[in-house]
Amino acid sequence: MEAGFEALEASNADEAIALLESRSDIKLVFTDIEMPGTMDGVKLTHYIRNRWPPIKLMAASGARMQVAAGASATRRPS
């Protein structure tokens, strides 16, 4: 933990959702667009935006993409 923040890790969208359901202190979700599991990072940002609107979203990808309203997207280095 640094500067009062704790980084949590999820290997897929289902794990990320489980973390969000179990904690009320999550303020930001950073996701890769291409991830294994039942949904990719784009679908995850939409799911989070609909269920937890106050949570800030950031997505990274090697390709151009469109994410949920209010989310930011960053192109990751190749």
N, C-alpha and C. Protein backbone atom coordinates (compact mmCIF):
# COMPACT_ATOMS: atom_id res chain seq x y z
N MET A 1 0.86 -1.17 0.00
CA MET A 1 0.00 0.00 0.00
C MET A 1 0.90 1.23 0.00
N GLU A 2 0.62 2.15 -0.92
CA GLU A 2 1.40 3.37 -1.02
C GLU A 2 0.44 4.53 -1.22
N ALA A 3 0.71 5.64 -0.56
CA ALA A 3 -0.13 6.84 -0.68
C ALA A 3 -1.59 6.56 -0.34
N GLY A 4 -1.82 5.56 0.52
CA GLY A 4 -3.18 5.27 0.94
C GLY A 4 -3.98 4.41 0.00
N PHE A 5 -3.36 3.88 -1.06
CA PHE A 5 -4.07 3.04 -2.03
C PHE A 5 -3.55 1.62 -1.95
N GLU A 6 -4.43 0.68 -2.20
CA GLU A 6 -4.07 -0.73 -2.24
C GLU A 6 -4.42 -1.26 -3.62
N ALA A 7 -3.47 -1.91 -4.29
CA ALA A 7 -3.73 -2.51 -5.60
C ALA A 7 -4.23 -3.93 -5.40
N LEU A 8 -5.33 -4.25 -6.05
CA LEU A 8 -5.89 -5.60 -6.03
C LEU A 8 -5.76 -6.18 -7.42
N GLU A 9 -5.67 -7.50 -7.53
CA GLU A 9 -5.49 -8.13 -8.83
C GLU A 9 -6.57 -9.16 -9.09
N ALA A 10 -7.07 -9.17 -10.30
CA ALA A 10 -8.02 -10.18 -10.75
C ALA A 10 -7.54 -10.68 -12.10
N SER A 11 -7.59 -11.99 -12.31
CA SER A 11 -7.08 -12.53 -13.58
C SER A 11 -8.13 -12.54 -14.68
N ASN A 12 -9.38 -12.26 -14.33
CA ASN A 12 -10.43 -12.20 -15.34
C ASN A 12 -11.59 -11.35 -14.82
N ALA A 13 -12.58 -11.12 -15.66
CA ALA A 13 -13.70 -10.25 -15.29
C ALA A 13 -14.50 -10.82 -14.13
N ASP A 14 -14.69 -12.13 -14.08
CA ASP A 14 -15.45 -12.73 -12.99
C ASP A 14 -14.79 -12.47 -11.64
N GLU A 15 -13.47 -12.59 -11.59
CA GLU A 15 -12.75 -12.30 -10.35
C GLU A 15 -12.85 -10.82 -10.00
N ALA A 16 -12.79 -9.96 -11.00
CA ALA A 16 -12.91 -8.52 -10.75
C ALA A 16 -14.28 -8.18 -10.17
N ILE A 17 -15.32 -8.77 -10.74
CA ILE A 17 -16.68 -8.52 -10.24
C ILE A 17 -16.83 -9.04 -8.82
N ALA A 18 -16.26 -10.20 -8.54
CA ALA A 18 -16.33 -10.74 -7.17
C ALA A 18 -15.65 -9.79 -6.18
N LEU A 19 -14.52 -9.22 -6.57
CA LEU A 19 -13.85 -8.24 -5.71
C LEU A 19 -14.73 -7.02 -5.49
N LEU A 20 -15.33 -6.52 -6.56
CA LEU A 20 -16.20 -5.35 -6.44
C LEU A 20 -17.41 -5.64 -5.56
N GLU A 21 -17.93 -6.85 -5.63
CA GLU A 21 -19.08 -7.22 -4.80
C GLU A 21 -18.71 -7.36 -3.33
N SER A 22 -17.46 -7.70 -3.06
CA SER A 22 -17.04 -7.96 -1.68
C SER A 22 -16.44 -6.74 -0.98
N ARG A 23 -16.18 -5.67 -1.73
CA ARG A 23 -15.54 -4.48 -1.14
C ARG A 23 -16.27 -3.22 -1.56
N SER A 24 -16.35 -2.29 -0.64
CA SER A 24 -17.01 -1.02 -0.96
C SER A 24 -16.01 0.12 -1.10
N ASP A 25 -14.71 -0.19 -0.98
CA ASP A 25 -13.69 0.86 -1.01
C ASP A 25 -12.98 0.97 -2.36
N ILE A 26 -13.42 0.27 -3.38
CA ILE A 26 -12.76 0.33 -4.69
C ILE A 26 -13.25 1.58 -5.43
N LYS A 27 -12.30 2.41 -5.83
CA LYS A 27 -12.61 3.69 -6.49
C LYS A 27 -12.24 3.70 -7.97
N LEU A 28 -11.32 2.81 -8.39
CA LEU A 28 -10.81 2.80 -9.76
C LEU A 28 -10.58 1.36 -10.19
N VAL A 29 -10.97 1.05 -11.42
CA VAL A 29 -10.67 -0.25 -12.02
C VAL A 29 -9.86 0.00 -13.29
N PHE A 30 -8.69 -0.65 -13.36
CA PHE A 30 -7.82 -0.60 -14.53
C PHE A 30 -7.86 -1.99 -15.16
N THR A 31 -8.26 -2.07 -16.42
CA THR A 31 -8.40 -3.37 -17.07
C THR A 31 -7.73 -3.38 -18.44
N ASP A 32 -7.32 -4.56 -18.83
CA ASP A 32 -6.87 -4.78 -20.21
C ASP A 32 -8.12 -5.10 -21.02
N ILE A 33 -8.16 -4.67 -22.25
CA ILE A 33 -9.31 -4.96 -23.10
C ILE A 33 -9.37 -6.45 -23.44
N GLU A 34 -8.23 -7.03 -23.74
CA GLU A 34 -8.17 -8.44 -24.09
C GLU A 34 -7.85 -9.24 -22.84
N MET A 35 -8.87 -9.95 -22.32
CA MET A 35 -8.67 -10.75 -21.13
C MET A 35 -9.48 -12.03 -21.24
N PRO A 36 -9.04 -13.10 -20.55
CA PRO A 36 -9.77 -14.37 -20.62
C PRO A 36 -11.04 -14.32 -19.77
N GLY A 37 -11.90 -15.29 -19.98
CA GLY A 37 -13.09 -15.41 -19.15
C GLY A 37 -14.38 -15.14 -19.89
N THR A 38 -15.43 -14.90 -19.13
CA THR A 38 -16.76 -14.76 -19.70
C THR A 38 -17.00 -13.43 -20.39
N MET A 39 -16.17 -12.42 -20.09
CA MET A 39 -16.30 -11.13 -20.78
C MET A 39 -14.93 -10.49 -20.92
N ASP A 40 -14.77 -9.68 -21.97
CA ASP A 40 -13.51 -8.96 -22.16
C ASP A 40 -13.55 -7.66 -21.37
N GLY A 41 -12.50 -6.88 -21.47
CA GLY A 41 -12.41 -5.63 -20.72
C GLY A 41 -13.44 -4.60 -21.10
N VAL A 42 -13.85 -4.56 -22.37
CA VAL A 42 -14.88 -3.61 -22.80
C VAL A 42 -16.20 -3.94 -22.12
N LYS A 43 -16.60 -5.21 -22.17
CA LYS A 43 -17.84 -5.62 -21.52
C LYS A 43 -17.77 -5.38 -20.02
N LEU A 44 -16.58 -5.62 -19.44
CA LEU A 44 -16.41 -5.37 -18.01
C LEU A 44 -16.62 -3.90 -17.67
N THR A 45 -16.08 -2.99 -18.47
CA THR A 45 -16.28 -1.56 -18.18
C THR A 45 -17.76 -1.18 -18.25
N HIS A 46 -18.48 -1.73 -19.21
CA HIS A 46 -19.91 -1.46 -19.31
C HIS A 46 -20.67 -2.02 -18.10
N TYR A 47 -20.31 -3.23 -17.70
CA TYR A 47 -20.95 -3.86 -16.55
C TYR A 47 -20.73 -3.03 -15.28
N ILE A 48 -19.47 -2.61 -15.08
CA ILE A 48 -19.15 -1.81 -13.90
C ILE A 48 -19.86 -0.46 -13.95
N ARG A 49 -19.86 0.19 -15.11
CA ARG A 49 -20.51 1.51 -15.24
C ARG A 49 -21.99 1.40 -14.88
N ASN A 50 -22.65 0.33 -15.31
CA ASN A 50 -24.08 0.16 -15.03
C ASN A 50 -24.35 -0.20 -13.57
N ARG A 51 -23.49 -1.00 -12.97
CA ARG A 51 -23.73 -1.47 -11.61
C ARG A 51 -23.14 -0.57 -10.54
N TRP A 52 -21.97 0.01 -10.79
CA TRP A 52 -21.28 0.87 -9.83
C TRP A 52 -20.86 2.17 -10.53
N PRO A 53 -21.80 3.04 -10.84
CA PRO A 53 -21.48 4.25 -11.60
C PRO A 53 -20.37 5.13 -11.03
N PRO A 54 -20.18 5.24 -9.72
CA PRO A 54 -19.12 6.13 -9.22
C PRO A 54 -17.69 5.63 -9.47
N ILE A 55 -17.52 4.34 -9.74
CA ILE A 55 -16.17 3.80 -9.92
C ILE A 55 -15.58 4.32 -11.22
N LYS A 56 -14.36 4.85 -11.12
CA LYS A 56 -13.63 5.33 -12.29
C LYS A 56 -13.09 4.13 -13.05
N LEU A 57 -13.04 4.23 -14.37
CA LEU A 57 -12.60 3.13 -15.22
C LEU A 57 -11.45 3.56 -16.11
N MET A 58 -10.48 2.68 -16.26
CA MET A 58 -9.37 2.91 -17.18
C MET A 58 -9.10 1.58 -17.88
N ALA A 59 -9.00 1.62 -19.20
CA ALA A 59 -8.74 0.41 -19.98
C ALA A 59 -7.51 0.61 -20.85
N ALA A 60 -6.76 -0.46 -21.02
CA ALA A 60 -5.56 -0.40 -21.86
C ALA A 60 -5.67 -1.46 -22.95
N SER A 61 -5.14 -1.12 -24.13
CA SER A 61 -5.14 -2.07 -25.23
C SER A 61 -4.09 -1.67 -26.25
N GLY A 62 -3.69 -2.64 -27.05
CA GLY A 62 -2.79 -2.36 -28.14
C GLY A 62 -3.53 -1.89 -29.38
N ALA A 63 -4.86 -1.89 -29.33
CA ALA A 63 -5.68 -1.49 -30.47
C ALA A 63 -6.62 -0.36 -30.07
N ARG A 64 -7.19 0.31 -31.05
CA ARG A 64 -8.20 1.35 -30.77
C ARG A 64 -9.48 0.67 -30.32
N MET A 65 -10.19 1.31 -29.39
CA MET A 65 -11.42 0.72 -28.91
C MET A 65 -12.36 1.79 -28.38
N GLN A 66 -13.59 1.39 -28.15
CA GLN A 66 -14.58 2.28 -27.56
C GLN A 66 -15.01 1.66 -26.24
N VAL A 67 -14.98 2.45 -25.17
CA VAL A 67 -15.34 1.95 -23.85
C VAL A 67 -16.56 2.69 -23.33
N ALA A 68 -17.02 2.31 -22.17
CA ALA A 68 -18.22 2.88 -21.58
C ALA A 68 -18.09 4.39 -21.39
N ALA A 69 -19.21 5.08 -21.40
CA ALA A 69 -19.25 6.53 -21.17
C ALA A 69 -18.59 6.85 -19.84
N GLY A 70 -17.74 7.83 -19.82
CA GLY A 70 -17.06 8.23 -18.60
C GLY A 70 -15.78 7.46 -18.33
N ALA A 71 -15.48 6.45 -19.14
CA ALA A 71 -14.27 5.67 -18.97
C ALA A 71 -13.16 6.27 -19.82
N SER A 72 -11.92 5.97 -19.43
CA SER A 72 -10.79 6.42 -20.25
C SER A 72 -10.11 5.19 -20.82
N ALA A 73 -9.47 5.35 -21.95
CA ALA A 73 -8.76 4.25 -22.59
C ALA A 73 -7.35 4.71 -22.92
N THR A 74 -6.39 3.83 -22.65
CA THR A 74 -4.99 4.13 -22.90
C THR A 74 -4.39 3.03 -23.76
N ARG A 75 -3.68 3.43 -24.81
CA ARG A 75 -3.04 2.43 -25.66
C ARG A 75 -1.78 1.95 -24.96
N ARG A 76 -1.70 0.64 -24.75
CA ARG A 76 -0.55 0.07 -24.06
C ARG A 76 0.59 -0.10 -25.05
N PRO A 77 1.83 -0.10 -24.57
CA PRO A 77 2.96 -0.31 -25.46
C PRO A 77 2.90 -1.71 -26.07
N SER A 78 3.31 -1.83 -27.34
CA SER A 78 3.30 -3.15 -28.00
C SER A 78 4.49 -3.96 -27.60
